[in-house]
Amino acid sequence: MKTRPDTQDERLASVECHAQAKGGPQRSLVQGELRAEQSTSADSRYELADLRIGDAGAPDPLERYTWPELRELIYQDRE
């Protein structure tokens, strides 16, 4: 079964013209563009900046608290 992208007619006409100018079938043109898009999107992953503070070897100051105690410390000024 052949599938055809559901797109606007003017865009499809543009793809047809571009494929004819390159001397190849539309399928090859579309597949090549999809491969190029996949490779660039895989390489451009978003990375968060490292905003850690303190000494990496220092003990975690929050380990001594339980979750309820931490919650109370966080929300104590909102009551």
C-alpha atoms as a PDB file:
ATOM      1  CA  MET A   1       0.000   0.000   0.000  1.00  0.00           C
ATOM      2  CA  LYS A   2       1.340   3.405  -0.933  1.00  0.00           C
ATOM      3  CA  THR A   3       0.962   6.286   1.461  1.00  0.00           C
ATOM      4  CA  ARG A   4       1.106   9.928   0.632  1.00  0.00           C
ATOM      5  CA  PRO A   5       1.666  12.674   3.179  1.00  0.00           C
ATOM      6  CA  ASP A   6      -1.461  14.649   3.957  1.00  0.00           C
ATOM      7  CA  THR A   7      -0.295  18.140   3.084  1.00  0.00           C
ATOM      8  CA  GLN A   8      -1.436  21.245   1.312  1.00  0.00           C
ATOM      9  CA  ASP A   9      -1.511  21.044  -2.486  1.00  0.00           C
ATOM     10  CA  GLU A  10       0.870  23.980  -2.970  1.00  0.00           C
ATOM     11  CA  ARG A  11       3.467  22.335  -0.745  1.00  0.00           C
ATOM     12  CA  LEU A  12       3.140  19.053  -2.563  1.00  0.00           C
ATOM     13  CA  ALA A  13       3.500  20.881  -5.890  1.00  0.00           C
ATOM     14  CA  SER A  14       6.654  22.506  -4.526  1.00  0.00           C
ATOM     15  CA  VAL A  15       8.046  19.089  -3.571  1.00  0.00           C
ATOM     16  CA  GLU A  16       7.222  17.777  -7.046  1.00  0.00           C
ATOM     17  CA  CYS A  17       9.026  20.683  -8.714  1.00  0.00           C
ATOM     18  CA  HIS A  18      12.025  20.323  -6.430  1.00  0.00           C
ATOM     19  CA  ALA A  19      12.222  16.573  -7.073  1.00  0.00           C
ATOM     20  CA  GLN A  20      12.057  17.123 -10.850  1.00  0.00           C
ATOM     21  CA  ALA A  21      14.798  19.743 -10.655  1.00  0.00           C
ATOM     22  CA  LYS A  22      17.007  17.311  -8.740  1.00  0.00           C
ATOM     23  CA  GLY A  23      16.162  14.522 -11.171  1.00  0.00           C
ATOM     24  CA  GLY A  24      14.873  12.075  -8.584  1.00  0.00           C
ATOM     25  CA  PRO A  25      11.613  10.747  -7.238  1.00  0.00           C
ATOM     26  CA  GLN A  26       9.619  12.592  -4.594  1.00  0.00           C
ATOM     27  CA  ARG A  27      10.004   9.689  -2.202  1.00  0.00           C
ATOM     28  CA  SER A  28      13.797   9.961  -2.189  1.00  0.00           C
ATOM     29  CA  LEU A  29      13.616  13.699  -1.658  1.00  0.00           C
ATOM     30  CA  VAL A  30      11.187  13.402   1.261  1.00  0.00           C
ATOM     31  CA  GLN A  31      13.114  10.525   2.861  1.00  0.00           C
ATOM     32  CA  GLY A  32      16.367  12.453   2.606  1.00  0.00           C
ATOM     33  CA  GLU A  33      14.838  15.511   4.227  1.00  0.00           C
ATOM     34  CA  LEU A  34      13.337  13.407   7.016  1.00  0.00           C
ATOM     35  CA  ARG A  35      16.699  11.757   7.682  1.00  0.00           C
ATOM     36  CA  ALA A  36      18.422  15.139   7.775  1.00  0.00           C
ATOM     37  CA  GLU A  37      15.817  16.493  10.205  1.00  0.00           C
ATOM     38  CA  GLN A  38      16.152  13.458  12.464  1.00  0.00           C
ATOM     39  CA  SER A  39      19.920  13.712  12.632  1.00  0.00           C
ATOM     40  CA  THR A  40      19.899  17.432  13.448  1.00  0.00           C
ATOM     41  CA  SER A  41      17.150  17.123  16.055  1.00  0.00           C
ATOM     42  CA  ALA A  42      18.962  14.241  17.781  1.00  0.00           C
ATOM     43  CA  ASP A  43      22.157  16.300  17.985  1.00  0.00           C
ATOM     44  CA  SER A  44      20.459  19.406  19.347  1.00  0.00           C
ATOM     45  CA  ARG A  45      19.267  18.021  22.663  1.00  0.00           C
ATOM     46  CA  TYR A  46      18.518  20.616  25.283  1.00  0.00           C
ATOM     47  CA  GLU A  47      20.769  20.449  28.313  1.00  0.00           C
ATOM     48  CA  LEU A  48      20.123  22.193  31.577  1.00  0.00           C
ATOM     49  CA  ALA A  49      22.882  24.326  33.001  1.00  0.00           C
ATOM     50  CA  ASP A  50      24.661  22.901  36.044  1.00  0.00           C
ATOM     51  CA  LEU A  51      23.530  25.212  38.845  1.00  0.00           C
ATOM     52  CA  ARG A  52      24.611  23.073  41.776  1.00  0.00           C
ATOM     53  CA  ILE A  53      26.077  24.922  44.733  1.00  0.00           C
ATOM     54  CA  GLY A  54      28.284  23.818  47.588  1.00  0.00           C
ATOM     55  CA  ASP A  55      31.082  21.302  47.811  1.00  0.00           C
ATOM     56  CA  ALA A  56      30.493  18.055  45.933  1.00  0.00           C
ATOM     57  CA  GLY A  57      32.045  16.027  48.765  1.00  0.00           C
ATOM     58  CA  ALA A  58      30.181  17.759  51.580  1.00  0.00           C
ATOM     59  CA  PRO A  59      27.329  15.979  53.397  1.00  0.00           C
ATOM     60  CA  ASP A  60      23.786  16.800  52.315  1.00  0.00           C
ATOM     61  CA  PRO A  61      22.355  19.278  54.864  1.00  0.00           C
ATOM     62  CA  LEU A  62      18.794  18.085  54.151  1.00  0.00           C
ATOM     63  CA  GLU A  63      19.421  14.432  55.070  1.00  0.00           C
ATOM     64  CA  ARG A  64      18.771  15.072  58.750  1.00  0.00           C
ATOM     65  CA  TYR A  65      15.144  16.119  58.056  1.00  0.00           C
ATOM     66  CA  THR A  66      12.115  13.941  57.380  1.00  0.00           C
ATOM     67  CA  TRP A  67       9.685  14.889  54.582  1.00  0.00           C
ATOM     68  CA  PRO A  68       7.115  16.357  57.012  1.00  0.00           C
ATOM     69  CA  GLU A  69       9.833  18.453  58.667  1.00  0.00           C
ATOM     70  CA  LEU A  70      11.058  19.732  55.292  1.00  0.00           C
ATOM     71  CA  ARG A  71       7.516  20.614  54.282  1.00  0.00           C
ATOM     72  CA  GLU A  72       7.035  22.539  57.485  1.00  0.00           C
ATOM     73  CA  LEU A  73      10.289  24.441  56.941  1.00  0.00           C
ATOM     74  CA  ILE A  74       9.347  25.309  53.371  1.00  0.00           C
ATOM     75  CA  TYR A  75       5.799  26.473  54.113  1.00  0.00           C
ATOM     76  CA  GLN A  76       6.216  27.987  57.587  1.00  0.00           C
ATOM     77  CA  ASP A  77       6.008  31.590  56.334  1.00  0.00           C
ATOM     78  CA  ARG A  78       2.780  30.977  54.386  1.00  0.00           C
ATOM     79  CA  GLU A  79       0.551  30.330  57.372  1.00  0.00           C
END
